[in-house]
């Protein structure tokens, strides 16, 4: 008797849920997701790396003070 293969649907669902949990949503100033090859952190041009504008979290960087930018080019 052969071993039964795991249910591929539940494996896909778990993987997708795990991936979503590890990849936070992009901020408006991000050019790509954090960790994307060919990218790096840069100081947010809106708040100059402070993470706040007028006492509120910067909407461009989400309050982190950094954005993800493409570096280099092909």
N, C-alpha and C. Protein backbone atom coordinates (compact mmCIF):
# COMPACT_ATOMS: atom_id res chain seq x y z
N UNK A 1 0.84 -1.17 0.00
CA UNK A 1 0.00 0.00 0.00
C UNK A 1 0.90 1.24 0.00
N UNK A 2 0.53 2.20 -0.82
CA UNK A 2 1.30 3.43 -0.91
C UNK A 2 0.92 4.39 0.21
N UNK A 3 1.90 5.23 0.55
CA UNK A 3 1.60 6.27 1.52
C UNK A 3 0.71 7.31 0.89
N UNK A 4 -0.20 7.80 1.65
CA UNK A 4 -1.13 8.80 1.15
C UNK A 4 -0.45 10.17 1.17
N UNK A 5 -0.55 10.90 0.07
CA UNK A 5 0.05 12.24 -0.01
C UNK A 5 -0.75 13.20 0.86
N UNK A 6 -0.06 14.17 1.46
CA UNK A 6 -0.80 15.16 2.27
C UNK A 6 -1.75 15.97 1.40
N UNK A 7 -2.79 16.44 2.00
CA UNK A 7 -3.78 17.26 1.29
C UNK A 7 -3.10 18.53 0.79
N UNK A 8 -2.95 18.66 -0.51
CA UNK A 8 -2.22 19.79 -1.07
C UNK A 8 -2.92 21.11 -0.81
N UNK A 9 -4.23 21.13 -0.70
CA UNK A 9 -4.96 22.37 -0.47
C UNK A 9 -4.60 22.96 0.90
N UNK A 10 -4.57 22.10 1.94
CA UNK A 10 -4.26 22.62 3.27
C UNK A 10 -2.80 23.07 3.34
N UNK A 11 -1.90 22.41 2.62
CA UNK A 11 -0.50 22.81 2.59
C UNK A 11 -0.36 24.18 1.94
N UNK A 12 -1.08 24.41 0.85
CA UNK A 12 -1.02 25.72 0.19
C UNK A 12 -1.58 26.80 1.09
N UNK A 13 -2.66 26.51 1.79
CA UNK A 13 -3.29 27.49 2.67
C UNK A 13 -2.34 27.85 3.80
N UNK A 14 -1.71 26.88 4.40
CA UNK A 14 -0.78 27.17 5.49
C UNK A 14 0.40 27.97 5.00
N UNK A 15 0.95 27.60 3.89
CA UNK A 15 2.11 28.32 3.37
C UNK A 15 1.75 29.76 3.08
N UNK A 16 0.60 30.00 2.49
CA UNK A 16 0.18 31.36 2.18
C UNK A 16 -0.02 32.17 3.46
N UNK A 17 -0.64 31.58 4.46
CA UNK A 17 -0.86 32.27 5.73
C UNK A 17 0.47 32.58 6.41
N UNK A 18 1.40 31.64 6.37
CA UNK A 18 2.70 31.87 6.98
C UNK A 18 3.44 32.97 6.23
N UNK A 19 3.36 32.98 4.91
CA UNK A 19 4.04 34.00 4.12
C UNK A 19 3.45 35.37 4.41
N UNK A 20 2.15 35.48 4.53
CA UNK A 20 1.52 36.76 4.81
C UNK A 20 1.92 37.27 6.18
N UNK A 21 2.07 36.38 7.14
CA UNK A 21 2.46 36.79 8.49
C UNK A 21 3.89 37.30 8.51
N UNK A 22 4.77 36.76 7.68
CA UNK A 22 6.16 37.17 7.70
C UNK A 22 6.44 38.38 6.82
N UNK A 23 5.54 38.74 5.92
CA UNK A 23 5.71 39.90 5.05
C UNK A 23 4.71 40.98 5.41
N UNK A 24 5.16 41.99 6.17
CA UNK A 24 4.23 43.06 6.50
C UNK A 24 3.80 43.83 5.26
N UNK A 25 2.67 44.50 5.31
CA UNK A 25 2.22 45.25 4.14
C UNK A 25 3.18 46.38 3.80
N UNK A 26 3.21 46.75 2.53
CA UNK A 26 4.09 47.83 2.10
C UNK A 26 3.55 49.17 2.54
N UNK A 27 4.46 50.08 2.84
CA UNK A 27 4.09 51.47 3.11
C UNK A 27 4.11 52.21 1.78
N UNK A 28 3.43 53.36 1.69
CA UNK A 28 3.40 54.10 0.42
C UNK A 28 4.78 54.45 -0.14
N UNK A 29 5.76 54.65 0.70
CA UNK A 29 7.10 55.01 0.23
C UNK A 29 7.95 53.84 -0.21
N UNK A 30 7.53 52.60 0.07
CA UNK A 30 8.30 51.41 -0.29
C UNK A 30 8.18 51.13 -1.79
N UNK A 31 9.31 50.78 -2.39
CA UNK A 31 9.32 50.39 -3.81
C UNK A 31 9.18 48.89 -3.97
N UNK A 32 9.46 48.13 -2.90
CA UNK A 32 9.38 46.67 -2.93
C UNK A 32 9.25 46.18 -1.50
N UNK A 33 8.93 44.90 -1.34
CA UNK A 33 8.84 44.31 -0.01
C UNK A 33 10.23 44.20 0.61
N UNK A 34 10.29 44.34 1.92
CA UNK A 34 11.55 44.22 2.64
C UNK A 34 12.16 42.85 2.38
N UNK A 35 13.46 42.83 2.12
CA UNK A 35 14.17 41.59 1.86
C UNK A 35 14.21 41.19 0.40
N UNK A 36 13.57 41.95 -0.47
CA UNK A 36 13.60 41.65 -1.91
C UNK A 36 15.02 41.84 -2.42
N UNK A 37 15.57 40.87 -3.15
CA UNK A 37 16.92 41.05 -3.70
C UNK A 37 17.01 42.32 -4.54
N UNK A 38 18.11 43.04 -4.38
CA UNK A 38 18.32 44.27 -5.14
C UNK A 38 17.70 45.49 -4.48
N UNK A 39 17.29 45.35 -3.21
CA UNK A 39 16.72 46.48 -2.48
C UNK A 39 17.47 46.70 -1.18
N UNK A 40 17.23 47.84 -0.57
CA UNK A 40 17.82 48.15 0.72
C UNK A 40 17.02 49.22 1.41
N UNK A 41 17.31 49.43 2.69
CA UNK A 41 16.63 50.47 3.45
C UNK A 41 17.22 51.83 3.12
N UNK A 42 16.36 52.83 3.12
CA UNK A 42 16.77 54.21 2.89
C UNK A 42 15.99 55.08 3.86
N UNK A 43 16.52 56.24 4.16
CA UNK A 43 15.84 57.19 5.04
C UNK A 43 14.61 57.73 4.32
N UNK A 44 13.51 57.80 5.03
CA UNK A 44 12.27 58.32 4.46
C UNK A 44 12.45 59.79 4.09
N UNK A 45 12.15 60.16 2.85
CA UNK A 45 12.33 61.55 2.43
C UNK A 45 11.26 62.49 3.00
N UNK A 46 10.16 61.95 3.47
CA UNK A 46 9.08 62.80 4.00
C UNK A 46 9.38 63.27 5.43
N UNK A 47 9.84 62.35 6.29
CA UNK A 47 10.08 62.69 7.70
C UNK A 47 11.56 62.78 8.03
N UNK A 48 12.41 62.58 7.02
CA UNK A 48 13.87 62.61 7.21
C UNK A 48 14.36 61.60 8.24
N UNK A 49 13.71 60.44 8.29
CA UNK A 49 14.14 59.36 9.17
C UNK A 49 13.64 59.45 10.60
N UNK A 50 12.83 60.44 10.91
CA UNK A 50 12.31 60.59 12.28
C UNK A 50 11.11 59.69 12.55
N UNK A 51 10.37 59.33 11.52
CA UNK A 51 9.20 58.48 11.70
C UNK A 51 7.94 59.22 12.09
N UNK A 52 8.05 60.53 12.30
CA UNK A 52 6.89 61.32 12.71
C UNK A 52 6.84 62.61 11.92
N UNK A 53 5.62 63.06 11.64
CA UNK A 53 5.37 64.35 11.00
C UNK A 53 4.27 65.05 11.80
N UNK A 54 4.56 66.24 12.27
CA UNK A 54 3.57 67.02 13.03
C UNK A 54 2.98 66.24 14.19
N UNK A 55 3.80 65.45 14.88
CA UNK A 55 3.34 64.70 16.04
C UNK A 55 2.62 63.40 15.76
N UNK A 56 2.44 63.06 14.49
CA UNK A 56 1.77 61.81 14.11
C UNK A 56 2.76 60.92 13.36
N UNK A 57 2.51 59.60 13.36
CA UNK A 57 3.38 58.72 12.58
C UNK A 57 3.37 59.11 11.10
N UNK A 58 4.53 59.09 10.48
CA UNK A 58 4.66 59.44 9.07
C UNK A 58 3.88 58.42 8.23
N UNK A 59 3.04 58.92 7.34
CA UNK A 59 2.24 58.02 6.50
C UNK A 59 3.07 57.41 5.38
N UNK A 60 4.19 58.02 5.03
CA UNK A 60 5.01 57.50 3.93
C UNK A 60 5.80 56.25 4.35
N UNK A 61 6.32 56.24 5.57
CA UNK A 61 7.14 55.12 6.04
C UNK A 61 6.44 54.29 7.12
N UNK A 62 5.23 54.68 7.49
CA UNK A 62 4.50 53.94 8.51
C UNK A 62 5.05 54.17 9.91
N UNK A 63 5.85 55.23 10.09
CA UNK A 63 6.41 55.55 11.40
C UNK A 63 7.75 54.92 11.69
N UNK A 64 8.30 54.17 10.73
CA UNK A 64 9.59 53.51 10.97
C UNK A 64 10.78 54.42 10.69
N UNK A 65 10.59 55.43 9.85
CA UNK A 65 11.70 56.31 9.47
C UNK A 65 12.50 55.81 8.29
N UNK A 66 12.19 54.59 7.83
CA UNK A 66 12.89 54.03 6.68
C UNK A 66 11.92 53.51 5.64
N UNK A 67 12.35 53.48 4.41
CA UNK A 67 11.58 52.90 3.30
C UNK A 67 12.48 51.91 2.58
N UNK A 68 11.90 51.04 1.80
CA UNK A 68 12.67 50.07 1.01
C UNK A 68 12.76 50.58 -0.41
N UNK A 69 13.99 50.70 -0.91
CA UNK A 69 14.24 51.21 -2.26
C UNK A 69 15.05 50.21 -3.07
N UNK A 70 14.86 50.29 -4.37
CA UNK A 70 15.70 49.51 -5.27
C UNK A 70 17.09 50.13 -5.31
N UNK A 71 18.11 49.28 -5.25
CA UNK A 71 19.49 49.76 -5.35
C UNK A 71 20.14 49.09 -6.55
N UNK A 72 20.86 49.84 -7.30
CA UNK A 72 21.49 49.28 -8.48
C UNK A 72 20.52 49.23 -9.64
N UNK A 73 20.92 48.64 -10.70
CA UNK A 73 20.04 48.52 -11.86
C UNK A 73 20.66 47.56 -12.86
N UNK A 74 19.86 47.13 -13.75
CA UNK A 74 20.35 46.17 -14.73
C UNK A 74 20.38 46.80 -16.10
